[in-house]
Amino acid sequence: MTGRYDETEGRGPEEPVVVRDRRRIDPLTGEVRPAAPAAETQDGPKHAAPAEDTIEPEPAAHAGPGLGESIVDDSVSVATGLEKELAERTADLQRLQAEYANYRKRVDRDREQVVAGAKASVVNDLLPLLDDLERAEQHGDLTGAFKSVGEKLVGSLQRSGLEAFGTEGEPFDPSVHEAVQHSTSPDVSGPTVTVVMRRGYRFGERVLRPAMVGVTDHEPGAAPAAQDAPVDPPVGGELPLEGELFDENNR
């Protein structure tokens, strides 16, 4: 009887193939794996698979950035871009606000100047009427109802900003005074208004009409000496002065 030779006889059970992935970076999560225990870094168990069956890890130098690191970098870049854009928009808004504030100030200033100019034009047309009222008052003709109307008119103009100037005794100012007469006198210390021929008016800071005046300058002059004063003649019973007595003896 011939027996069959079983090739599997005399062999032990087949050893399983073990594949170890020693890559430091997980290709699925992109995270760095923790270090393997020392026991696993050795040659492995006695029944380890042949070296050719193991999968060698890829060199770390060729490993690209992990998924987690790329996500973090993208998030940082997006946040930086948003902050930069927000700063630019904030600067634009502040610049627009400043320009609008300057525009409003300029418009308000121009409006005030236009209103003041219109008022000054109307008041300037009424200056001859004020001159007539002043002359009538100087001559005593401003009485009765005519005086009441004149006072109301002058009061209304003064409340609107009209101011009269040009009085005798004030210093001469060529910017507001128009000198049409000139004289000198030792009684004044400098150019002084001594005659007012026509009153001047200003509306706010604007001079509507200068005052027409006469100006007197200072003229140095010597005061009369005491020895030149006349000597009163002696009265009966009074002794003559020493000088008079000397003159009589000389005679």
C-alpha atoms as a PDB file:
ATOM      1  CA  MET A   1       0.000   0.000   0.000  1.00  0.00           C
ATOM      2  CA  THR A   2       1.502   3.203  -1.133  1.00  0.00           C
ATOM      3  CA  GLY A   3       0.880   6.207   1.067  1.00  0.00           C
ATOM      4  CA  ARG A   4       0.499   9.801  -0.228  1.00  0.00           C
ATOM      5  CA  TYR A   5       3.020  12.292   0.888  1.00  0.00           C
ATOM      6  CA  ASP A   6       1.360  15.355   2.207  1.00  0.00           C
ATOM      7  CA  GLU A   7       3.540  18.383   1.629  1.00  0.00           C
ATOM      8  CA  THR A   8       1.871  20.126   4.508  1.00  0.00           C
ATOM      9  CA  GLU A   9       2.901  17.424   6.869  1.00  0.00           C
ATOM     10  CA  GLY A  10       5.762  18.376   9.072  1.00  0.00           C
ATOM     11  CA  ARG A  11       4.977  22.154   8.768  1.00  0.00           C
ATOM     12  CA  GLY A  12       3.649  24.136  11.502  1.00  0.00           C
ATOM     13  CA  PRO A  13       0.753  26.601  11.193  1.00  0.00           C
ATOM     14  CA  GLU A  14       1.346  29.490   8.801  1.00  0.00           C
ATOM     15  CA  GLU A  15       2.547  32.641  10.482  1.00  0.00           C
ATOM     16  CA  PRO A  16       0.410  35.761   9.913  1.00  0.00           C
ATOM     17  CA  VAL A  17       1.809  38.654   7.916  1.00  0.00           C
ATOM     18  CA  VAL A  18       2.246  41.709  10.113  1.00  0.00           C
ATOM     19  CA  VAL A  19       2.413  45.184   8.492  1.00  0.00           C
ATOM     20  CA  ARG A  20       3.648  47.988  10.687  1.00  0.00           C
ATOM     21  CA  ASP A  21       3.073  51.580   9.687  1.00  0.00           C
ATOM     22  CA  ARG A  22       5.889  53.554  11.277  1.00  0.00           C
ATOM     23  CA  ARG A  23       5.112  56.904   9.689  1.00  0.00           C
ATOM     24  CA  ARG A  24       5.247  59.723  12.197  1.00  0.00           C
ATOM     25  CA  ILE A  25       2.394  61.670  10.562  1.00  0.00           C
ATOM     26  CA  ASP A  26      -1.025  60.088  10.208  1.00  0.00           C
ATOM     27  CA  PRO A  27      -2.006  60.343   6.515  1.00  0.00           C
ATOM     28  CA  LEU A  28      -5.711  60.510   7.422  1.00  0.00           C
ATOM     29  CA  THR A  29      -5.741  63.190  10.138  1.00  0.00           C
ATOM     30  CA  GLY A  30      -2.486  64.961   9.365  1.00  0.00           C
ATOM     31  CA  GLU A  31      -1.493  64.896  13.037  1.00  0.00           C
ATOM     32  CA  VAL A  32       1.805  63.749  14.469  1.00  0.00           C
ATOM     33  CA  ARG A  33       1.581  60.319  16.028  1.00  0.00           C
ATOM     34  CA  PRO A  34       2.887  59.732  19.539  1.00  0.00           C
ATOM     35  CA  ALA A  35       6.252  57.984  19.832  1.00  0.00           C
ATOM     36  CA  ALA A  36       6.032  54.162  19.804  1.00  0.00           C
ATOM     37  CA  PRO A  37       7.071  52.303  22.961  1.00  0.00           C
ATOM     38  CA  ALA A  38      10.613  51.002  23.156  1.00  0.00           C
ATOM     39  CA  ALA A  39       9.397  47.415  23.014  1.00  0.00           C
ATOM     40  CA  GLU A  40       7.817  47.990  19.630  1.00  0.00           C
ATOM     41  CA  THR A  41      10.874  49.684  18.190  1.00  0.00           C
ATOM     42  CA  GLN A  42      12.887  46.481  18.462  1.00  0.00           C
ATOM     43  CA  ASP A  43      12.915  43.797  15.846  1.00  0.00           C
ATOM     44  CA  GLY A  44       9.461  42.742  16.977  1.00  0.00           C
ATOM     45  CA  PRO A  45       8.321  39.344  18.245  1.00  0.00           C
ATOM     46  CA  LYS A  46      10.094  36.185  17.408  1.00  0.00           C
ATOM     47  CA  HIS A  47       7.591  35.263  14.693  1.00  0.00           C
ATOM     48  CA  ALA A  48       7.775  38.625  12.899  1.00  0.00           C
ATOM     49  CA  ALA A  49       7.200  38.694   9.208  1.00  0.00           C
ATOM     50  CA  PRO A  50      10.153  38.839   6.868  1.00  0.00           C
ATOM     51  CA  ALA A  51      11.666  42.248   6.324  1.00  0.00           C
ATOM     52  CA  GLU A  52      10.506  42.338   2.749  1.00  0.00           C
ATOM     53  CA  ASP A  53       6.883  42.099   3.857  1.00  0.00           C
ATOM     54  CA  THR A  54       7.043  45.204   6.084  1.00  0.00           C
ATOM     55  CA  ILE A  55       6.127  48.667   4.804  1.00  0.00           C
ATOM     56  CA  GLU A  56       8.897  51.091   5.459  1.00  0.00           C
ATOM     57  CA  PRO A  57       7.851  54.570   6.519  1.00  0.00           C
ATOM     58  CA  GLU A  58       8.298  57.355   4.050  1.00  0.00           C
ATOM     59  CA  PRO A  59      11.106  59.746   4.770  1.00  0.00           C
ATOM     60  CA  ALA A  60       9.943  62.622   6.950  1.00  0.00           C
ATOM     61  CA  ALA A  61      11.640  65.089   4.630  1.00  0.00           C
ATOM     62  CA  HIS A  62       9.210  64.211   1.856  1.00  0.00           C
ATOM     63  CA  ALA A  63       6.127  64.386   4.084  1.00  0.00           C
ATOM     64  CA  GLY A  64       4.010  67.426   3.214  1.00  0.00           C
ATOM     65  CA  PRO A  65       2.141  69.636   5.722  1.00  0.00           C
ATOM     66  CA  GLY A  66      -0.618  67.931   7.608  1.00  0.00           C
ATOM     67  CA  LEU A  67      -4.271  68.653   7.141  1.00  0.00           C
ATOM     68  CA  GLY A  68      -4.565  70.268  10.552  1.00  0.00           C
ATOM     69  CA  GLU A  69      -1.637  72.587   9.958  1.00  0.00           C
ATOM     70  CA  SER A  70      -3.024  73.676   6.579  1.00  0.00           C
ATOM     71  CA  ILE A  71      -6.400  74.417   8.156  1.00  0.00           C
ATOM     72  CA  VAL A  72      -4.759  76.511  10.871  1.00  0.00           C
ATOM     73  CA  ASP A  73      -2.701  78.422   8.308  1.00  0.00           C
ATOM     74  CA  ASP A  74      -5.788  79.085   6.206  1.00  0.00           C
ATOM     75  CA  SER A  75      -7.697  80.313   9.264  1.00  0.00           C
ATOM     76  CA  VAL A  76      -4.872  82.663  10.251  1.00  0.00           C
ATOM     77  CA  SER A  77      -4.606  84.081   6.727  1.00  0.00           C
ATOM     78  CA  VAL A  78      -8.377  84.606   6.520  1.00  0.00           C
ATOM     79  CA  ALA A  79      -8.440  86.354   9.919  1.00  0.00           C
ATOM     80  CA  THR A  80      -5.542  88.592   8.916  1.00  0.00           C
ATOM     81  CA  GLY A  81      -7.282  89.528   5.679  1.00  0.00           C
ATOM     82  CA  LEU A  82     -10.503  90.370   7.513  1.00  0.00           C
ATOM     83  CA  GLU A  83      -8.682  92.542  10.038  1.00  0.00           C
ATOM     84  CA  LYS A  84      -6.897  94.426   7.262  1.00  0.00           C
ATOM     85  CA  GLU A  85     -10.141  94.973   5.358  1.00  0.00           C
ATOM     86  CA  LEU A  86     -11.889  96.133   8.537  1.00  0.00           C
ATOM     87  CA  ALA A  87      -9.094  98.640   9.235  1.00  0.00           C
ATOM     88  CA  GLU A  88      -9.359  99.997   5.681  1.00  0.00           C
ATOM     89  CA  ARG A  89     -13.132 100.378   5.897  1.00  0.00           C
ATOM     90  CA  THR A  90     -12.830 102.088   9.296  1.00  0.00           C
ATOM     91  CA  ALA A  91     -10.261 104.558   7.904  1.00  0.00           C
ATOM     92  CA  ASP A  92     -12.535 105.297   4.925  1.00  0.00           C
ATOM     93  CA  LEU A  93     -15.487 105.945   7.227  1.00  0.00           C
ATOM     94  CA  GLN A  94     -13.468 108.276   9.441  1.00  0.00           C
ATOM     95  CA  ARG A  95     -12.227 110.192   6.413  1.00  0.00           C
ATOM     96  CA  LEU A  96     -15.769 110.584   5.094  1.00  0.00           C
ATOM     97  CA  GLN A  97     -16.986 111.814   8.465  1.00  0.00           C
ATOM     98  CA  ALA A  98     -14.192 114.398   8.646  1.00  0.00           C
ATOM     99  CA  GLU A  99     -14.925 115.599   5.108  1.00  0.00           C
ATOM    100  CA  TYR A 100     -18.639 115.913   5.869  1.00  0.00           C
ATOM    101  CA  ALA A 101     -17.948 117.848   9.081  1.00  0.00           C
ATOM    102  CA  ASN A 102     -15.681 120.271   7.197  1.00  0.00           C
ATOM    103  CA  TYR A 103     -18.310 120.622   4.480  1.00  0.00           C
ATOM    104  CA  ARG A 104     -20.997 121.523   7.022  1.00  0.00           C
ATOM    105  CA  LYS A 105     -18.740 124.093   8.695  1.00  0.00           C
ATOM    106  CA  ARG A 106     -17.922 125.654   5.345  1.00  0.00           C
ATOM    107  CA  VAL A 107     -21.584 125.797   4.329  1.00  0.00           C
ATOM    108  CA  ASP A 108     -22.612 127.343   7.659  1.00  0.00           C
ATOM    109  CA  ARG A 109     -19.837 129.923   7.415  1.00  0.00           C
ATOM    110  CA  ASP A 110     -20.785 130.843   3.852  1.00  0.00           C
ATOM    111  CA  ARG A 111     -24.442 131.119   4.844  1.00  0.00           C
ATOM    112  CA  GLU A 112     -23.584 133.468   7.713  1.00  0.00           C
ATOM    113  CA  GLN A 113     -21.442 135.604   5.433  1.00  0.00           C
ATOM    114  CA  VAL A 114     -24.238 135.858   2.867  1.00  0.00           C
ATOM    115  CA  VAL A 115     -26.775 136.866   5.520  1.00  0.00           C
ATOM    116  CA  ALA A 116     -24.387 139.419   7.065  1.00  0.00           C
ATOM    117  CA  GLY A 117     -23.628 140.858   3.625  1.00  0.00           C
ATOM    118  CA  ALA A 118     -27.322 141.241   2.821  1.00  0.00           C
ATOM    119  CA  LYS A 119     -27.991 142.996   6.130  1.00  0.00           C
ATOM    120  CA  ALA A 120     -25.000 145.284   5.663  1.00  0.00           C
ATOM    121  CA  SER A 121     -26.219 146.233   2.183  1.00  0.00           C
ATOM    122  CA  VAL A 122     -29.651 147.208   3.503  1.00  0.00           C
ATOM    123  CA  VAL A 123     -28.197 149.170   6.425  1.00  0.00           C
ATOM    124  CA  ASN A 124     -25.748 150.962   4.108  1.00  0.00           C
ATOM    125  CA  ASP A 125     -28.679 152.272   2.064  1.00  0.00           C
ATOM    126  CA  LEU A 126     -30.206 153.718   5.260  1.00  0.00           C
ATOM    127  CA  LEU A 127     -27.110 155.673   6.342  1.00  0.00           C
ATOM    128  CA  PRO A 128     -28.191 158.928   4.587  1.00  0.00           C
ATOM    129  CA  LEU A 129     -31.482 158.735   6.487  1.00  0.00           C
ATOM    130  CA  LEU A 130     -29.568 158.412   9.753  1.00  0.00           C
ATOM    131  CA  ASP A 131     -27.511 161.490   8.832  1.00  0.00           C
ATOM    132  CA  ASP A 132     -30.710 163.455   8.269  1.00  0.00           C
ATOM    133  CA  LEU A 133     -32.097 162.336  11.627  1.00  0.00           C
ATOM    134  CA  GLU A 134     -28.867 163.386  13.366  1.00  0.00           C
ATOM    135  CA  ARG A 135     -28.874 166.832  11.739  1.00  0.00           C
ATOM    136  CA  ALA A 136     -32.556 167.322  12.599  1.00  0.00           C
ATOM    137  CA  GLU A 137     -31.793 166.450  16.224  1.00  0.00           C
ATOM    138  CA  GLN A 138     -28.897 168.952  16.326  1.00  0.00           C
ATOM    139  CA  HIS A 139     -31.153 171.732  15.021  1.00  0.00           C
ATOM    140  CA  GLY A 140     -33.996 170.826  17.353  1.00  0.00           C
ATOM    141  CA  ASP A 141     -36.343 169.715  14.596  1.00  0.00           C
ATOM    142  CA  LEU A 142     -36.588 166.077  15.752  1.00  0.00           C
ATOM    143  CA  THR A 143     -39.731 166.315  17.880  1.00  0.00           C
ATOM    144  CA  GLY A 144     -43.103 164.675  18.264  1.00  0.00           C
ATOM    145  CA  ALA A 145     -44.033 161.620  16.233  1.00  0.00           C
ATOM    146  CA  PHE A 146     -41.087 162.186  13.907  1.00  0.00           C
ATOM    147  CA  LYS A 147     -38.698 161.768  16.868  1.00  0.00           C
ATOM    148  CA  SER A 148     -40.437 158.568  17.987  1.00  0.00           C
ATOM    149  CA  VAL A 149     -40.152 157.027  14.521  1.00  0.00           C
ATOM    150  CA  GLY A 150     -36.473 157.998  14.294  1.00  0.00           C
ATOM    151  CA  GLU A 151     -35.658 156.500  17.688  1.00  0.00           C
ATOM    152  CA  LYS A 152     -37.379 153.229  16.764  1.00  0.00           C
ATOM    153  CA  LEU A 153     -35.461 153.051  13.485  1.00  0.00           C
ATOM    154  CA  VAL A 154     -32.113 153.707  15.149  1.00  0.00           C
ATOM    155  CA  GLY A 155     -32.872 151.172  17.898  1.00  0.00           C
ATOM    156  CA  SER A 156     -33.781 148.465  15.399  1.00  0.00           C
ATOM    157  CA  LEU A 157     -30.582 149.036  13.423  1.00  0.00           C
ATOM    158  CA  GLN A 158     -28.457 148.955  16.564  1.00  0.00           C
ATOM    159  CA  ARG A 159     -30.002 145.665  17.657  1.00  0.00           C
ATOM    160  CA  SER A 160     -29.185 144.250  14.221  1.00  0.00           C
ATOM    161  CA  GLY A 161     -25.495 145.056  14.752  1.00  0.00           C
ATOM    162  CA  LEU A 162     -25.068 148.657  13.577  1.00  0.00           C
ATOM    163  CA  GLU A 163     -22.567 150.681  15.614  1.00  0.00           C
ATOM    164  CA  ALA A 164     -21.714 154.378  15.244  1.00  0.00           C
ATOM    165  CA  PHE A 165     -18.222 155.738  15.877  1.00  0.00           C
ATOM    166  CA  GLY A 166     -16.407 159.025  15.546  1.00  0.00           C
ATOM    167  CA  THR A 167     -16.509 161.334  18.564  1.00  0.00           C
ATOM    168  CA  GLU A 168     -14.422 164.335  19.538  1.00  0.00           C
ATOM    169  CA  GLY A 169     -11.425 163.534  21.717  1.00  0.00           C
ATOM    170  CA  GLU A 170     -10.750 159.976  20.524  1.00  0.00           C
ATOM    171  CA  PRO A 171      -7.372 159.068  18.987  1.00  0.00           C
ATOM    172  CA  PHE A 172      -7.132 159.347  15.222  1.00  0.00           C
ATOM    173  CA  ASP A 173      -7.230 155.956  13.430  1.00  0.00           C
ATOM    174  CA  PRO A 174      -6.698 156.124   9.658  1.00  0.00           C
ATOM    175  CA  SER A 175      -8.472 152.775   9.196  1.00  0.00           C
ATOM    176  CA  VAL A 176     -11.802 154.194  10.433  1.00  0.00           C
ATOM    177  CA  HIS A 177     -11.310 157.977  10.191  1.00  0.00           C
ATOM    178  CA  GLU A 178     -11.143 160.121   7.082  1.00  0.00           C
ATOM    179  CA  ALA A 179      -9.186 163.287   7.905  1.00  0.00           C
ATOM    180  CA  VAL A 180     -10.341 166.328   5.925  1.00  0.00           C
ATOM    181  CA  GLN A 181      -8.949 169.020   8.236  1.00  0.00           C
ATOM    182  CA  HIS A 182      -5.622 169.271  10.027  1.00  0.00           C
ATOM    183  CA  SER A 183      -4.304 171.583  12.745  1.00  0.00           C
ATOM    184  CA  THR A 184      -1.736 171.607  15.545  1.00  0.00           C
ATOM    185  CA  SER A 185      -2.014 172.438  19.215  1.00  0.00           C
ATOM    186  CA  PRO A 186       0.094 171.936  22.367  1.00  0.00           C
ATOM    187  CA  ASP A 187      -3.028 170.808  24.211  1.00  0.00           C
ATOM    188  CA  VAL A 188      -3.011 167.327  22.651  1.00  0.00           C
ATOM    189  CA  SER A 189      -0.362 164.616  23.045  1.00  0.00           C
ATOM    190  CA  GLY A 190      -0.883 163.024  19.622  1.00  0.00           C
ATOM    191  CA  PRO A 191      -3.176 162.964  16.589  1.00  0.00           C
ATOM    192  CA  THR A 192      -6.625 163.499  18.039  1.00  0.00           C
ATOM    193  CA  VAL A 193     -10.079 163.900  16.547  1.00  0.00           C
ATOM    194  CA  THR A 194     -11.230 167.400  17.419  1.00  0.00           C
ATOM    195  CA  VAL A 195     -14.004 167.937  14.843  1.00  0.00           C
ATOM    196  CA  VAL A 196     -16.583 165.367  13.646  1.00  0.00           C
ATOM    197  CA  MET A 197     -18.172 166.391  10.366  1.00  0.00           C
ATOM    198  CA  ARG A 198     -19.862 163.081   9.605  1.00  0.00           C
ATOM    199  CA  ARG A 199     -20.299 160.094  11.875  1.00  0.00           C
ATOM    200  CA  GLY A 200     -18.956 156.718  10.792  1.00  0.00           C
ATOM    201  CA  TYR A 201     -20.735 153.359  11.038  1.00  0.00           C
ATOM    202  CA  ARG A 202     -19.698 149.719  11.241  1.00  0.00           C
ATOM    203  CA  PHE A 203     -21.860 146.622  10.973  1.00  0.00           C
ATOM    204  CA  GLY A 204     -20.362 143.788  12.971  1.00  0.00           C
ATOM    205  CA  GLU A 205     -16.694 143.716  11.950  1.00  0.00           C
ATOM    206  CA  ARG A 206     -17.318 145.459   8.617  1.00  0.00           C
ATOM    207  CA  VAL A 207     -16.784 149.226   8.337  1.00  0.00           C
ATOM    208  CA  LEU A 208     -19.646 150.587   6.253  1.00  0.00           C
ATOM    209  CA  ARG A 209     -18.413 154.182   6.203  1.00  0.00           C
ATOM    210  CA  PRO A 210     -15.422 155.926   7.788  1.00  0.00           C
ATOM    211  CA  ALA A 211     -15.982 158.985   9.930  1.00  0.00           C
ATOM    212  CA  MET A 212     -15.157 162.351   8.360  1.00  0.00           C
ATOM    213  CA  VAL A 213     -13.190 164.264  10.978  1.00  0.00           C
ATOM    214  CA  GLY A 214     -10.742 167.054  11.624  1.00  0.00           C
ATOM    215  CA  VAL A 215      -7.440 166.054  13.231  1.00  0.00           C
ATOM    216  CA  THR A 216      -5.194 168.047  15.558  1.00  0.00           C
ATOM    217  CA  ASP A 217      -1.549 167.081  16.061  1.00  0.00           C
ATOM    218  CA  HIS A 218       0.675 167.896  19.014  1.00  0.00           C
ATOM    219  CA  GLU A 219       2.753 171.083  18.662  1.00  0.00           C
ATOM    220  CA  PRO A 220       5.441 171.570  21.302  1.00  0.00           C
ATOM    221  CA  GLY A 221       5.412 175.160  22.662  1.00  0.00           C
ATOM    222  CA  ALA A 222       7.164 176.905  25.567  1.00  0.00           C
ATOM    223  CA  ALA A 223       5.049 178.029  28.450  1.00  0.00           C
ATOM    224  CA  PRO A 224       5.259 181.782  29.214  1.00  0.00           C
ATOM    225  CA  ALA A 225       8.213 182.545  31.542  1.00  0.00           C
ATOM    226  CA  ALA A 226       7.551 183.901  35.040  1.00  0.00           C
ATOM    227  CA  GLN A 227       9.938 186.872  34.608  1.00  0.00           C
ATOM    228  CA  ASP A 228       8.012 188.038  31.563  1.00  0.00           C
ATOM    229  CA  ALA A 229       4.806 188.416  33.542  1.00  0.00           C
ATOM    230  CA  PRO A 230       3.773 192.028  34.152  1.00  0.00           C
ATOM    231  CA  VAL A 231       4.488 193.451  37.636  1.00  0.00           C
ATOM    232  CA  ASP A 232       1.567 195.010  39.423  1.00  0.00           C
ATOM    233  CA  PRO A 233       2.237 198.613  40.548  1.00  0.00           C
ATOM    234  CA  PRO A 234       2.635 199.116  44.302  1.00  0.00           C
ATOM    235  CA  VAL A 235      -0.431 200.007  46.219  1.00  0.00           C
ATOM    236  CA  GLY A 236      -0.365 202.905  48.662  1.00  0.00           C
ATOM    237  CA  GLY A 237       1.215 201.959  51.997  1.00  0.00           C
ATOM    238  CA  GLU A 238       3.079 198.930  50.545  1.00  0.00           C
ATOM    239  CA  LEU A 239       6.826 198.774  50.230  1.00  0.00           C
ATOM    240  CA  PRO A 240       8.179 198.278  46.750  1.00  0.00           C
ATOM    241  CA  LEU A 241       9.875 195.052  45.903  1.00  0.00           C
ATOM    242  CA  GLU A 242      13.632 194.739  46.092  1.00  0.00           C
ATOM    243  CA  GLY A 243      14.032 195.049  42.354  1.00  0.00           C
ATOM    244  CA  GLU A 244      11.842 198.166  42.208  1.00  0.00           C
ATOM    245  CA  LEU A 245      13.746 199.724  45.093  1.00  0.00           C
ATOM    246  CA  PHE A 246      17.005 199.150  43.258  1.00  0.00           C
ATOM    247  CA  ASP A 247      15.640 200.760  40.131  1.00  0.00           C
ATOM    248  CA  GLU A 248      14.502 203.861  42.029  1.00  0.00           C
ATOM    249  CA  ASN A 249      17.921 204.299  43.672  1.00  0.00           C
ATOM    250  CA  ASN A 250      19.547 204.085  40.291  1.00  0.00           C
ATOM    251  CA  ARG A 251      17.350 206.874  39.076  1.00  0.00           C
END
